């Protein structure tokens, strides 16, 4: 039941205080959301944002219930209740949560305090597996355009969670935190067990992304060097015309063989003229891409590996052999 049909004097007093700052809180929440969205663009990989920020203000019923009927006493509810409006950001892993937490803390558009940090909770209660989230309360700077009378009443709670932490919250919040099963020991035990598994899963996810990042760094460096080399062979080449999907596929050859940038430079010293004569539009799109240098290196130095690990179609590989004037009679295909 969330409707308010009739109120006591105490309830009316609290509601009046809340209604007085409702519009200001909404505007502050919008400001926080906008700034959080800007901060997400500063992450190493903004695609790790799974749910963007979207603030939500408490209903009148929810505010009164928390102000008066919780097991916690508030001396001055309109000031002491700091999540009158709240927003959340959901990221892929706990590592992303830590990175984004630092961005929020270092931002100079607000005052902040950390009201909940699950890492500290884990240190204090290492054997307990429960709801996890970072909660940061932000409030306006004195320069923010607001009546100073209301300044201390205006706060917004930012909840920062991983995808797995958010899933746990969605399952547990309305059932055991506020719902009818908060004293059901069997459900509480199952939730605790699931959080233990989630922590382990998150750790694996973090390791997976770290390994992927190492590979991406290597490939990014290679592509940057290949682009410079290719531009030196073909006048007027626009790096923006690089086909990233083709590049990613061809760069997977590096997973099969240990090839260095120096190897490619040495190769170009010997075969640069021959490659220059081959990178012509008439030979197709592949020859207009920087990765053709890597393909040529494999063709001349690691032909068996090129055939065994060729990431594109057989027709494309036939085209490479044909354009470089090499017979395909002895070729065998595994893909």
C-alpha atoms as a PDB file:
ATOM      1  CA  UNK A   1       0.000   0.000   0.000  1.00  0.00           C
ATOM      2  CA  UNK A   2       1.656   3.222  -1.156  1.00  0.00           C
ATOM      3  CA  UNK A   3      -1.253   5.667  -1.177  1.00  0.00           C
ATOM      4  CA  UNK A   4      -1.640   8.305   1.530  1.00  0.00           C
ATOM      5  CA  UNK A   5      -5.314   8.752   2.375  1.00  0.00           C
ATOM      6  CA  UNK A   6      -4.948  10.431   5.758  1.00  0.00           C
ATOM      7  CA  UNK A   7      -1.911  11.477   7.779  1.00  0.00           C
ATOM      8  CA  UNK A   8      -1.061  12.148  11.387  1.00  0.00           C
ATOM      9  CA  UNK A   9       0.300  15.562  12.379  1.00  0.00           C
ATOM     10  CA  UNK A  10       3.840  14.157  12.507  1.00  0.00           C
ATOM     11  CA  UNK A  11       3.453  12.574   9.078  1.00  0.00           C
ATOM     12  CA  UNK A  12       2.043  15.804   7.621  1.00  0.00           C
ATOM     13  CA  UNK A  13       4.967  17.803   9.030  1.00  0.00           C
ATOM     14  CA  UNK A  14       7.525  15.429   7.495  1.00  0.00           C
ATOM     15  CA  UNK A  15       5.718  15.323   4.170  1.00  0.00           C
ATOM     16  CA  UNK A  16       5.529  19.130   3.999  1.00  0.00           C
ATOM     17  CA  UNK A  17       9.299  19.370   4.502  1.00  0.00           C
ATOM     18  CA  UNK A  18       9.864  16.806   1.770  1.00  0.00           C
ATOM     19  CA  UNK A  19       7.480  18.485  -0.691  1.00  0.00           C
ATOM     20  CA  UNK A  20       9.217  21.820  -0.112  1.00  0.00           C
ATOM     21  CA  UNK A  21      12.487  20.466  -1.597  1.00  0.00           C
ATOM     22  CA  UNK A  22      11.088  17.936  -4.075  1.00  0.00           C
ATOM     23  CA  UNK A  23      11.707  20.098  -7.152  1.00  0.00           C
ATOM     24  CA  UNK A  24      15.196  21.080  -5.982  1.00  0.00           C
ATOM     25  CA  UNK A  25      16.038  17.423  -5.350  1.00  0.00           C
ATOM     26  CA  UNK A  26      14.775  16.464  -8.817  1.00  0.00           C
ATOM     27  CA  UNK A  27      16.967  19.135 -10.417  1.00  0.00           C
ATOM     28  CA  UNK A  28      19.970  18.000  -8.379  1.00  0.00           C
ATOM     29  CA  UNK A  29      19.347  14.401  -9.435  1.00  0.00           C
ATOM     30  CA  UNK A  30      19.260  15.477 -13.084  1.00  0.00           C
ATOM     31  CA  UNK A  31      22.548  17.337 -12.607  1.00  0.00           C
ATOM     32  CA  UNK A  32      24.166  14.283 -10.994  1.00  0.00           C
ATOM     33  CA  UNK A  33      22.934  11.975 -13.780  1.00  0.00           C
ATOM     34  CA  UNK A  34      24.312  14.311 -16.451  1.00  0.00           C
ATOM     35  CA  UNK A  35      27.697  14.500 -14.750  1.00  0.00           C
ATOM     36  CA  UNK A  36      27.837  10.737 -14.166  1.00  0.00           C
ATOM     37  CA  UNK A  37      27.155  10.177 -17.857  1.00  0.00           C
ATOM     38  CA  UNK A  38      30.104  12.458 -18.656  1.00  0.00           C
ATOM     39  CA  UNK A  39      32.294  10.528 -16.230  1.00  0.00           C
ATOM     40  CA  UNK A  40      31.407   7.211 -17.910  1.00  0.00           C
ATOM     41  CA  UNK A  41      33.095   8.539 -21.053  1.00  0.00           C
ATOM     42  CA  UNK A  42      36.369   8.724 -19.100  1.00  0.00           C
ATOM     43  CA  UNK A  43      36.432   4.989 -18.416  1.00  0.00           C
ATOM     44  CA  UNK A  44      39.025   2.924 -20.278  1.00  0.00           C
ATOM     45  CA  UNK A  45      36.139   1.161 -21.970  1.00  0.00           C
ATOM     46  CA  UNK A  46      32.774   2.926 -21.832  1.00  0.00           C
ATOM     47  CA  UNK A  47      31.062  -0.196 -23.229  1.00  0.00           C
ATOM     48  CA  UNK A  48      31.459  -1.674 -19.742  1.00  0.00           C
ATOM     49  CA  UNK A  49      28.515   0.487 -18.635  1.00  0.00           C
ATOM     50  CA  UNK A  50      25.587  -1.919 -18.472  1.00  0.00           C
ATOM     51  CA  UNK A  51      22.925   0.402 -17.022  1.00  0.00           C
ATOM     52  CA  UNK A  52      23.382   4.175 -17.342  1.00  0.00           C
ATOM     53  CA  UNK A  53      22.513   6.538 -14.483  1.00  0.00           C
ATOM     54  CA  UNK A  54      18.855   7.423 -13.982  1.00  0.00           C
ATOM     55  CA  UNK A  55      17.828   9.130 -10.757  1.00  0.00           C
ATOM     56  CA  UNK A  56      14.634   8.359  -8.887  1.00  0.00           C
ATOM     57  CA  UNK A  57      13.088  10.352  -6.060  1.00  0.00           C
ATOM     58  CA  UNK A  58      11.329   8.670  -3.148  1.00  0.00           C
ATOM     59  CA  UNK A  59       7.556   8.547  -3.137  1.00  0.00           C
ATOM     60  CA  UNK A  60       5.784  10.381  -0.349  1.00  0.00           C
ATOM     61  CA  UNK A  61       4.877   7.060   1.251  1.00  0.00           C
ATOM     62  CA  UNK A  62       8.445   5.754   1.054  1.00  0.00           C
ATOM     63  CA  UNK A  63       9.844   8.947   2.561  1.00  0.00           C
ATOM     64  CA  UNK A  64       7.418   9.005   5.490  1.00  0.00           C
ATOM     65  CA  UNK A  65       7.957   5.311   6.192  1.00  0.00           C
ATOM     66  CA  UNK A  66      11.722   5.824   6.340  1.00  0.00           C
ATOM     67  CA  UNK A  67      11.506   9.079   8.297  1.00  0.00           C
ATOM     68  CA  UNK A  68       9.258   7.727  11.034  1.00  0.00           C
ATOM     69  CA  UNK A  69       8.817   3.964  10.928  1.00  0.00           C
ATOM     70  CA  UNK A  70      12.265   2.510  10.399  1.00  0.00           C
ATOM     71  CA  UNK A  71      14.220   1.017  13.303  1.00  0.00           C
ATOM     72  CA  UNK A  72      16.621   3.952  12.924  1.00  0.00           C
ATOM     73  CA  UNK A  73      15.735   7.277  14.533  1.00  0.00           C
ATOM     74  CA  UNK A  74      16.363  10.444  12.544  1.00  0.00           C
ATOM     75  CA  UNK A  75      16.784  13.630  14.543  1.00  0.00           C
ATOM     76  CA  UNK A  76      16.119  15.766  11.478  1.00  0.00           C
ATOM     77  CA  UNK A  77      14.822  13.486   8.693  1.00  0.00           C
ATOM     78  CA  UNK A  78      14.862  16.018   5.844  1.00  0.00           C
ATOM     79  CA  UNK A  79      18.607  16.475   6.417  1.00  0.00           C
ATOM     80  CA  UNK A  80      19.588  13.079   7.791  1.00  0.00           C
ATOM     81  CA  UNK A  81      17.928  10.942   5.081  1.00  0.00           C
ATOM     82  CA  UNK A  82      20.497  11.182   2.308  1.00  0.00           C
ATOM     83  CA  UNK A  83      18.841   9.019  -0.348  1.00  0.00           C
ATOM     84  CA  UNK A  84      15.716  11.144  -0.796  1.00  0.00           C
ATOM     85  CA  UNK A  85      16.792  10.970  -4.403  1.00  0.00           C
ATOM     86  CA  UNK A  86      19.170   8.299  -5.659  1.00  0.00           C
ATOM     87  CA  UNK A  87      20.743   7.111  -8.863  1.00  0.00           C
ATOM     88  CA  UNK A  88      22.785   4.082  -9.816  1.00  0.00           C
ATOM     89  CA  UNK A  89      25.383   3.030 -12.324  1.00  0.00           C
ATOM     90  CA  UNK A  90      25.823  -0.650 -13.205  1.00  0.00           C
ATOM     91  CA  UNK A  91      29.132  -1.751 -14.711  1.00  0.00           C
ATOM     92  CA  UNK A  92      30.496  -5.055 -15.926  1.00  0.00           C
ATOM     93  CA  UNK A  93      32.834  -6.107 -13.075  1.00  0.00           C
ATOM     94  CA  UNK A  94      33.927  -5.070  -9.591  1.00  0.00           C
ATOM     95  CA  UNK A  95      37.155  -3.726 -11.104  1.00  0.00           C
ATOM     96  CA  UNK A  96      35.068  -1.307 -13.184  1.00  0.00           C
ATOM     97  CA  UNK A  97      33.205  -0.325 -10.003  1.00  0.00           C
ATOM     98  CA  UNK A  98      36.497   0.640  -8.314  1.00  0.00           C
ATOM     99  CA  UNK A  99      37.597   2.644 -11.353  1.00  0.00           C
ATOM    100  CA  UNK A 100      34.314   4.540 -11.528  1.00  0.00           C
ATOM    101  CA  UNK A 101      34.264   5.121  -7.758  1.00  0.00           C
ATOM    102  CA  UNK A 102      37.596   6.962  -8.071  1.00  0.00           C
ATOM    103  CA  UNK A 103      36.209   9.124 -10.867  1.00  0.00           C
ATOM    104  CA  UNK A 104      33.214  10.120  -8.711  1.00  0.00           C
ATOM    105  CA  UNK A 105      35.409  10.851  -5.700  1.00  0.00           C
ATOM    106  CA  UNK A 106      37.861  12.955  -7.705  1.00  0.00           C
ATOM    107  CA  UNK A 107      35.214  15.007  -9.479  1.00  0.00           C
ATOM    108  CA  UNK A 108      35.115  18.659  -8.421  1.00  0.00           C
ATOM    109  CA  UNK A 109      31.429  19.247  -9.151  1.00  0.00           C
ATOM    110  CA  UNK A 110      30.201  18.190  -5.721  1.00  0.00           C
ATOM    111  CA  UNK A 111      31.020  17.354  -2.147  1.00  0.00           C
ATOM    112  CA  UNK A 112      30.966  13.644  -1.435  1.00  0.00           C
ATOM    113  CA  UNK A 113      31.161  11.042   1.275  1.00  0.00           C
ATOM    114  CA  UNK A 114      31.257   7.267   0.958  1.00  0.00           C
ATOM    115  CA  UNK A 115      28.318   5.929   2.951  1.00  0.00           C
ATOM    116  CA  UNK A 116      28.860   2.286   2.020  1.00  0.00           C
ATOM    117  CA  UNK A 117      31.840   0.427   0.589  1.00  0.00           C
ATOM    118  CA  UNK A 118      31.496  -3.339   0.302  1.00  0.00           C
ATOM    119  CA  UNK A 119      35.276  -3.799   0.314  1.00  0.00           C
ATOM    120  CA  UNK A 120      35.438  -2.423   3.837  1.00  0.00           C
ATOM    121  CA  UNK A 121      32.478  -4.580   4.808  1.00  0.00           C
ATOM    122  CA  UNK A 122      34.265  -7.669   3.479  1.00  0.00           C
ATOM    123  CA  UNK A 123      37.350  -6.777   5.518  1.00  0.00           C
ATOM    124  CA  UNK A 124      35.242  -6.294   8.654  1.00  0.00           C
ATOM    125  CA  UNK A 125      33.127  -9.420   8.082  1.00  0.00           C
ATOM    126  CA  UNK A 126      35.179 -11.771   5.885  1.00  0.00           C
ATOM    127  CA  UNK A 127      32.933 -14.775   6.495  1.00  0.00           C
ATOM    128  CA  UNK A 128      29.708 -12.982   5.538  1.00  0.00           C
ATOM    129  CA  UNK A 129      28.343 -12.938   1.989  1.00  0.00           C
ATOM    130  CA  UNK A 130      25.657 -10.298   1.562  1.00  0.00           C
ATOM    131  CA  UNK A 131      24.434  -7.412  -0.597  1.00  0.00           C
ATOM    132  CA  UNK A 132      27.323  -5.550  -2.193  1.00  0.00           C
ATOM    133  CA  UNK A 133      27.321  -2.021  -3.561  1.00  0.00           C
ATOM    134  CA  UNK A 134      29.286   1.204  -3.287  1.00  0.00           C
ATOM    135  CA  UNK A 135      27.140   4.083  -2.046  1.00  0.00           C
ATOM    136  CA  UNK A 136      28.429   7.637  -2.396  1.00  0.00           C
ATOM    137  CA  UNK A 137      26.383  10.615  -1.213  1.00  0.00           C
ATOM    138  CA  UNK A 138      27.000  13.794  -3.181  1.00  0.00           C
ATOM    139  CA  UNK A 139      25.809  17.262  -2.251  1.00  0.00           C
ATOM    140  CA  UNK A 140      26.019  20.632  -4.026  1.00  0.00           C
ATOM    141  CA  UNK A 141      28.960  22.990  -3.691  1.00  0.00           C
ATOM    142  CA  UNK A 142      28.184  26.378  -2.212  1.00  0.00           C
ATOM    143  CA  UNK A 143      28.497  27.791  -5.744  1.00  0.00           C
ATOM    144  CA  UNK A 144      25.569  25.662  -6.941  1.00  0.00           C
ATOM    145  CA  UNK A 145      22.526  27.860  -7.686  1.00  0.00           C
ATOM    146  CA  UNK A 146      20.333  27.007  -4.727  1.00  0.00           C
ATOM    147  CA  UNK A 147      18.855  28.839  -1.763  1.00  0.00           C
ATOM    148  CA  UNK A 148      21.356  28.396   1.089  1.00  0.00           C
ATOM    149  CA  UNK A 149      18.459  27.548   3.413  1.00  0.00           C
ATOM    150  CA  UNK A 150      17.960  24.292   1.492  1.00  0.00           C
ATOM    151  CA  UNK A 151      21.610  23.482   0.785  1.00  0.00           C
ATOM    152  CA  UNK A 152      22.090  20.939   3.585  1.00  0.00           C
ATOM    153  CA  UNK A 153      18.830  19.202   2.659  1.00  0.00           C
ATOM    154  CA  UNK A 154      19.916  18.440  -0.903  1.00  0.00           C
ATOM    155  CA  UNK A 155      21.818  15.181  -1.386  1.00  0.00           C
ATOM    156  CA  UNK A 156      21.814  12.382  -3.916  1.00  0.00           C
ATOM    157  CA  UNK A 157      22.961   8.837  -3.246  1.00  0.00           C
ATOM    158  CA  UNK A 158      24.943   7.253  -6.073  1.00  0.00           C
ATOM    159  CA  UNK A 159      24.932   3.451  -6.070  1.00  0.00           C
ATOM    160  CA  UNK A 160      27.722   1.853  -8.088  1.00  0.00           C
ATOM    161  CA  UNK A 161      27.469  -1.888  -8.706  1.00  0.00           C
ATOM    162  CA  UNK A 162      28.774  -4.625 -10.932  1.00  0.00           C
ATOM    163  CA  UNK A 163      26.377  -6.547 -13.173  1.00  0.00           C
ATOM    164  CA  UNK A 164      26.427  -9.516 -10.789  1.00  0.00           C
ATOM    165  CA  UNK A 165      25.937  -7.317  -7.727  1.00  0.00           C
ATOM    166  CA  UNK A 166      22.968  -5.701  -9.448  1.00  0.00           C
ATOM    167  CA  UNK A 167      21.435  -9.093 -10.218  1.00  0.00           C
ATOM    168  CA  UNK A 168      21.774 -10.071  -6.553  1.00  0.00           C
ATOM    169  CA  UNK A 169      20.194  -6.778  -5.493  1.00  0.00           C
ATOM    170  CA  UNK A 170      17.240  -7.266  -7.828  1.00  0.00           C
ATOM    171  CA  UNK A 171      16.579 -10.711  -6.364  1.00  0.00           C
ATOM    172  CA  UNK A 172      17.130  -9.862  -2.710  1.00  0.00           C
ATOM    173  CA  UNK A 173      15.971  -6.272  -2.242  1.00  0.00           C
ATOM    174  CA  UNK A 174      12.211  -6.688  -2.487  1.00  0.00           C
ATOM    175  CA  UNK A 175      12.150 -10.141  -0.902  1.00  0.00           C
ATOM    176  CA  UNK A 176      14.542 -10.086   2.039  1.00  0.00           C
ATOM    177  CA  UNK A 177      15.520  -6.437   2.531  1.00  0.00           C
ATOM    178  CA  UNK A 178      12.014  -4.970   2.503  1.00  0.00           C
ATOM    179  CA  UNK A 179       9.887  -7.962   1.601  1.00  0.00           C
ATOM    180  CA  UNK A 180       8.115 -10.789   3.368  1.00  0.00           C
ATOM    181  CA  UNK A 181      11.073 -13.195   3.507  1.00  0.00           C
ATOM    182  CA  UNK A 182      13.608 -11.175   5.509  1.00  0.00           C
ATOM    183  CA  UNK A 183      13.423 -13.689   8.362  1.00  0.00           C
ATOM    184  CA  UNK A 184      13.361 -16.819   6.219  1.00  0.00           C
ATOM    185  CA  UNK A 185      16.631 -18.521   7.155  1.00  0.00           C
ATOM    186  CA  UNK A 186      16.621 -20.932   4.221  1.00  0.00           C
ATOM    187  CA  UNK A 187      16.253 -18.123   1.675  1.00  0.00           C
ATOM    188  CA  UNK A 188      18.863 -16.022   3.466  1.00  0.00           C
ATOM    189  CA  UNK A 189      21.270 -18.952   3.378  1.00  0.00           C
ATOM    190  CA  UNK A 190      20.694 -19.511  -0.344  1.00  0.00           C
ATOM    191  CA  UNK A 191      21.242 -15.806  -1.038  1.00  0.00           C
ATOM    192  CA  UNK A 192      24.449 -15.878   0.972  1.00  0.00           C
ATOM    193  CA  UNK A 193      25.657 -18.919  -0.977  1.00  0.00           C
ATOM    194  CA  UNK A 194      24.802 -17.270  -4.300  1.00  0.00           C
ATOM    195  CA  UNK A 195      26.790 -14.169  -3.343  1.00  0.00           C
ATOM    196  CA  UNK A 196      29.805 -16.351  -2.561  1.00  0.00           C
ATOM    197  CA  UNK A 197      29.578 -17.843  -6.058  1.00  0.00           C
ATOM    198  CA  UNK A 198      29.110 -14.369  -7.535  1.00  0.00           C
ATOM    199  CA  UNK A 199      32.296 -13.139  -5.893  1.00  0.00           C
ATOM    200  CA  UNK A 200      34.223 -16.040  -7.396  1.00  0.00           C
ATOM    201  CA  UNK A 201      32.605 -15.518 -10.805  1.00  0.00           C
ATOM    202  CA  UNK A 202      33.402 -11.810 -10.733  1.00  0.00           C
ATOM    203  CA  UNK A 203      37.039 -12.626  -9.972  1.00  0.00           C
ATOM    204  CA  UNK A 204      37.164 -14.888 -13.041  1.00  0.00           C
ATOM    205  CA  UNK A 205      35.506 -12.197 -15.163  1.00  0.00           C
ATOM    206  CA  UNK A 206      38.115  -9.649 -14.061  1.00  0.00           C
ATOM    207  CA  UNK A 207      40.928 -12.029 -15.006  1.00  0.00           C
ATOM    208  CA  UNK A 208      39.320 -12.744 -18.378  1.00  0.00           C
ATOM    209  CA  UNK A 209      39.038  -9.046 -19.203  1.00  0.00           C
ATOM    210  CA  UNK A 210      42.631  -8.452 -18.090  1.00  0.00           C
ATOM    211  CA  UNK A 211      43.837 -11.156 -20.471  1.00  0.00           C
ATOM    212  CA  UNK A 212      41.684  -9.738 -23.267  1.00  0.00           C
ATOM    213  CA  UNK A 213      43.061  -6.269 -22.596  1.00  0.00           C
ATOM    214  CA  UNK A 214      46.647  -7.535 -22.889  1.00  0.00           C
ATOM    215  CA  UNK A 215      45.831  -9.066 -26.267  1.00  0.00           C
ATOM    216  CA  UNK A 216      44.039  -5.922 -27.408  1.00  0.00           C
ATOM    217  CA  UNK A 217      47.015  -3.769 -26.388  1.00  0.00           C
ATOM    218  CA  UNK A 218      49.380  -5.924 -28.437  1.00  0.00           C
ATOM    219  CA  UNK A 219      47.057  -5.835 -31.435  1.00  0.00           C
ATOM    220  CA  UNK A 220      46.518  -2.079 -31.108  1.00  0.00           C
ATOM    221  CA  UNK A 221      50.270  -1.434 -31.116  1.00  0.00           C
ATOM    222  CA  UNK A 222      50.730  -3.714 -34.095  1.00  0.00           C
ATOM    223  CA  UNK A 223      47.954  -2.065 -36.067  1.00  0.00           C
ATOM    224  CA  UNK A 224      49.350   1.405 -35.332  1.00  0.00           C
ATOM    225  CA  UNK A 225      52.785   0.364 -36.631  1.00  0.00           C
ATOM    226  CA  UNK A 226      51.319  -1.428 -39.652  1.00  0.00           C
ATOM    227  CA  UNK A 227      49.350   1.714 -40.477  1.00  0.00           C
ATOM    228  CA  UNK A 228      52.527   3.825 -40.423  1.00  0.00           C
ATOM    229  CA  UNK A 229      54.343   1.307 -42.611  1.00  0.00           C
ATOM    230  CA  UNK A 230      51.469   1.104 -45.058  1.00  0.00           C
ATOM    231  CA  UNK A 231      51.187   4.899 -45.279  1.00  0.00           C
ATOM    232  CA  UNK A 232      54.878   4.951 -46.180  1.00  0.00           C
ATOM    233  CA  UNK A 233      54.232   2.584 -49.079  1.00  0.00           C
ATOM    234  CA  UNK A 234      51.024   4.139 -50.382  1.00  0.00           C
ATOM    235  CA  UNK A 235      50.805   7.892 -50.807  1.00  0.00           C
ATOM    236  CA  UNK A 236      47.572   9.501 -49.733  1.00  0.00           C
ATOM    237  CA  UNK A 237      46.437   6.614 -47.546  1.00  0.00           C
ATOM    238  CA  UNK A 238      43.836   7.715 -45.000  1.00  0.00           C
ATOM    239  CA  UNK A 239      44.182   5.779 -41.700  1.00  0.00           C
ATOM    240  CA  UNK A 240      40.464   6.382 -41.080  1.00  0.00           C
ATOM    241  CA  UNK A 241      39.724   4.011 -43.951  1.00  0.00           C
ATOM    242  CA  UNK A 242      41.145   1.066 -41.986  1.00  0.00           C
ATOM    243  CA  UNK A 243      38.590  -1.721 -41.676  1.00  0.00           C
ATOM    244  CA  UNK A 244      38.763  -2.625 -37.993  1.00  0.00           C
ATOM    245  CA  UNK A 245      36.900  -5.915 -38.391  1.00  0.00           C
ATOM    246  CA  UNK A 246      39.289  -7.171 -41.071  1.00  0.00           C
ATOM    247  CA  UNK A 247      42.237  -5.927 -39.025  1.00  0.00           C
ATOM    248  CA  UNK A 248      41.071  -7.764 -35.895  1.00  0.00           C
ATOM    249  CA  UNK A 249      40.643 -10.995 -37.829  1.00  0.00           C
ATOM    250  CA  UNK A 250      44.051 -10.828 -39.503  1.00  0.00           C
ATOM    251  CA  UNK A 251      45.820  -9.797 -36.295  1.00  0.00           C
ATOM    252  CA  UNK A 252      44.663 -13.085 -34.772  1.00  0.00           C
ATOM    253  CA  UNK A 253      47.569 -14.629 -36.721  1.00  0.00           C
ATOM    254  CA  UNK A 254      49.788 -13.154 -34.001  1.00  0.00           C
ATOM    255  CA  UNK A 255      48.246 -15.616 -31.552  1.00  0.00           C
ATOM    256  CA  UNK A 256      49.796 -18.454 -33.551  1.00  0.00           C
ATOM    257  CA  UNK A 257      53.293 -17.065 -34.116  1.00  0.00           C
ATOM    258  CA  UNK A 258      55.669 -14.793 -32.237  1.00  0.00           C
ATOM    259  CA  UNK A 259      56.196 -11.929 -34.684  1.00  0.00           C
ATOM    260  CA  UNK A 260      57.658  -8.607 -33.613  1.00  0.00           C
ATOM    261  CA  UNK A 261      57.432  -5.102 -35.062  1.00  0.00           C
ATOM    262  CA  UNK A 262      61.168  -5.295 -35.769  1.00  0.00           C
ATOM    263  CA  UNK A 263      60.557  -8.444 -37.824  1.00  0.00           C
ATOM    264  CA  UNK A 264      58.123  -6.518 -39.994  1.00  0.00           C
ATOM    265  CA  UNK A 265      60.490  -3.577 -40.430  1.00  0.00           C
ATOM    266  CA  UNK A 266      63.285  -5.941 -41.519  1.00  0.00           C
ATOM    267  CA  UNK A 267      60.857  -7.663 -43.864  1.00  0.00           C
ATOM    268  CA  UNK A 268      59.864  -4.351 -45.491  1.00  0.00           C
ATOM    269  CA  UNK A 269      63.497  -3.481 -46.119  1.00  0.00           C
ATOM    270  CA  UNK A 270      63.739  -6.601 -48.255  1.00  0.00           C
ATOM    271  CA  UNK A 271      60.269  -6.814 -49.773  1.00  0.00           C
ATOM    272  CA  UNK A 272      58.955  -3.244 -49.613  1.00  0.00           C
ATOM    273  CA  UNK A 273      59.196  -2.615 -53.341  1.00  0.00           C
ATOM    274  CA  UNK A 274      57.440  -5.854 -54.181  1.00  0.00           C
ATOM    275  CA  UNK A 275      54.627  -5.138 -51.713  1.00  0.00           C
ATOM    276  CA  UNK A 276      54.246  -1.591 -53.055  1.00  0.00           C
ATOM    277  CA  UNK A 277      53.653  -3.006 -56.517  1.00  0.00           C
ATOM    278  CA  UNK A 278      50.982  -5.339 -55.146  1.00  0.00           C
ATOM    279  CA  UNK A 279      48.881  -3.020 -52.966  1.00  0.00           C
ATOM    280  CA  UNK A 280      46.696  -1.899 -55.830  1.00  0.00           C
ATOM    281  CA  UNK A 281      42.924  -1.295 -55.693  1.00  0.00           C
ATOM    282  CA  UNK A 282      42.429  -3.804 -58.510  1.00  0.00           C
ATOM    283  CA  UNK A 283      43.589  -6.574 -56.142  1.00  0.00           C
ATOM    284  CA  UNK A 284      40.689  -5.908 -53.781  1.00  0.00           C
ATOM    285  CA  UNK A 285      39.849  -4.398 -50.419  1.00  0.00           C
ATOM    286  CA  UNK A 286      42.328  -6.543 -48.486  1.00  0.00           C
ATOM    287  CA  UNK A 287      45.232  -4.958 -50.351  1.00  0.00           C
ATOM    288  CA  UNK A 288      44.020  -1.505 -49.334  1.00  0.00           C
ATOM    289  CA  UNK A 289      44.390  -2.390 -45.649  1.00  0.00           C
ATOM    290  CA  UNK A 290      47.571  -2.039 -43.513  1.00  0.00           C
ATOM    291  CA  UNK A 291      47.301  -5.675 -42.370  1.00  0.00           C
ATOM    292  CA  UNK A 292      48.301  -6.809 -45.875  1.00  0.00           C
ATOM    293  CA  UNK A 293      51.893  -6.233 -44.697  1.00  0.00           C
ATOM    294  CA  UNK A 294      51.425  -8.819 -41.936  1.00  0.00           C
ATOM    295  CA  UNK A 295      49.786 -11.202 -44.393  1.00  0.00           C
ATOM    296  CA  UNK A 296      52.732 -10.791 -46.782  1.00  0.00           C
ATOM    297  CA  UNK A 297      55.160 -11.466 -43.929  1.00  0.00           C
ATOM    298  CA  UNK A 298      53.396 -14.732 -43.129  1.00  0.00           C
ATOM    299  CA  UNK A 299      53.179 -15.641 -46.806  1.00  0.00           C
ATOM    300  CA  UNK A 300      56.927 -15.331 -47.301  1.00  0.00           C
ATOM    301  CA  UNK A 301      58.143 -16.506 -43.890  1.00  0.00           C
ATOM    302  CA  UNK A 302      55.431 -18.591 -42.228  1.00  0.00           C
ATOM    303  CA  UNK A 303      53.359 -19.946 -45.106  1.00  0.00           C
ATOM    304  CA  UNK A 304      52.299 -23.116 -43.317  1.00  0.00           C
ATOM    305  CA  UNK A 305      51.050 -21.141 -40.354  1.00  0.00           C
ATOM    306  CA  UNK A 306      49.259 -18.718 -42.669  1.00  0.00           C
ATOM    307  CA  UNK A 307      47.343 -21.596 -44.256  1.00  0.00           C
ATOM    308  CA  UNK A 308      46.585 -23.323 -40.951  1.00  0.00           C
ATOM    309  CA  UNK A 309      45.393 -20.191 -39.148  1.00  0.00           C
ATOM    310  CA  UNK A 310      43.970 -18.138 -42.002  1.00  0.00           C
ATOM    311  CA  UNK A 311      41.066 -16.161 -40.471  1.00  0.00           C
ATOM    312  CA  UNK A 312      39.243 -15.104 -43.640  1.00  0.00           C
ATOM    313  CA  UNK A 313      37.630 -16.998 -46.515  1.00  0.00           C
ATOM    314  CA  UNK A 314      39.476 -19.392 -48.812  1.00  0.00           C
ATOM    315  CA  UNK A 315      38.662 -17.086 -51.724  1.00  0.00           C
ATOM    316  CA  UNK A 316      40.467 -14.258 -49.956  1.00  0.00           C
ATOM    317  CA  UNK A 317      43.530 -16.446 -49.390  1.00  0.00           C
ATOM    318  CA  UNK A 318      43.473 -17.503 -53.051  1.00  0.00           C
ATOM    319  CA  UNK A 319      43.463 -13.812 -53.928  1.00  0.00           C
ATOM    320  CA  UNK A 320      46.540 -13.198 -51.760  1.00  0.00           C
ATOM    321  CA  UNK A 321      48.498 -15.990 -53.477  1.00  0.00           C
ATOM    322  CA  UNK A 322      47.385 -14.868 -56.910  1.00  0.00           C
ATOM    323  CA  UNK A 323      48.220 -11.199 -56.346  1.00  0.00           C
ATOM    324  CA  UNK A 324      51.693 -12.020 -55.059  1.00  0.00           C
ATOM    325  CA  UNK A 325      52.245 -14.390 -57.996  1.00  0.00           C
ATOM    326  CA  UNK A 326      52.566 -17.509 -55.872  1.00  0.00           C
ATOM    327  CA  UNK A 327      51.094 -20.838 -56.963  1.00  0.00           C
ATOM    328  CA  UNK A 328      48.276 -22.299 -54.890  1.00  0.00           C
ATOM    329  CA  UNK A 329      48.769 -25.854 -56.192  1.00  0.00           C
ATOM    330  CA  UNK A 330      50.227 -27.109 -52.945  1.00  0.00           C
ATOM    331  CA  UNK A 331      47.766 -25.319 -50.698  1.00  0.00           C
ATOM    332  CA  UNK A 332      45.642 -27.250 -48.251  1.00  0.00           C
ATOM    333  CA  UNK A 333      42.758 -25.694 -46.393  1.00  0.00           C
ATOM    334  CA  UNK A 334      41.638 -26.437 -42.871  1.00  0.00           C
ATOM    335  CA  UNK A 335      38.850 -23.903 -42.542  1.00  0.00           C
END
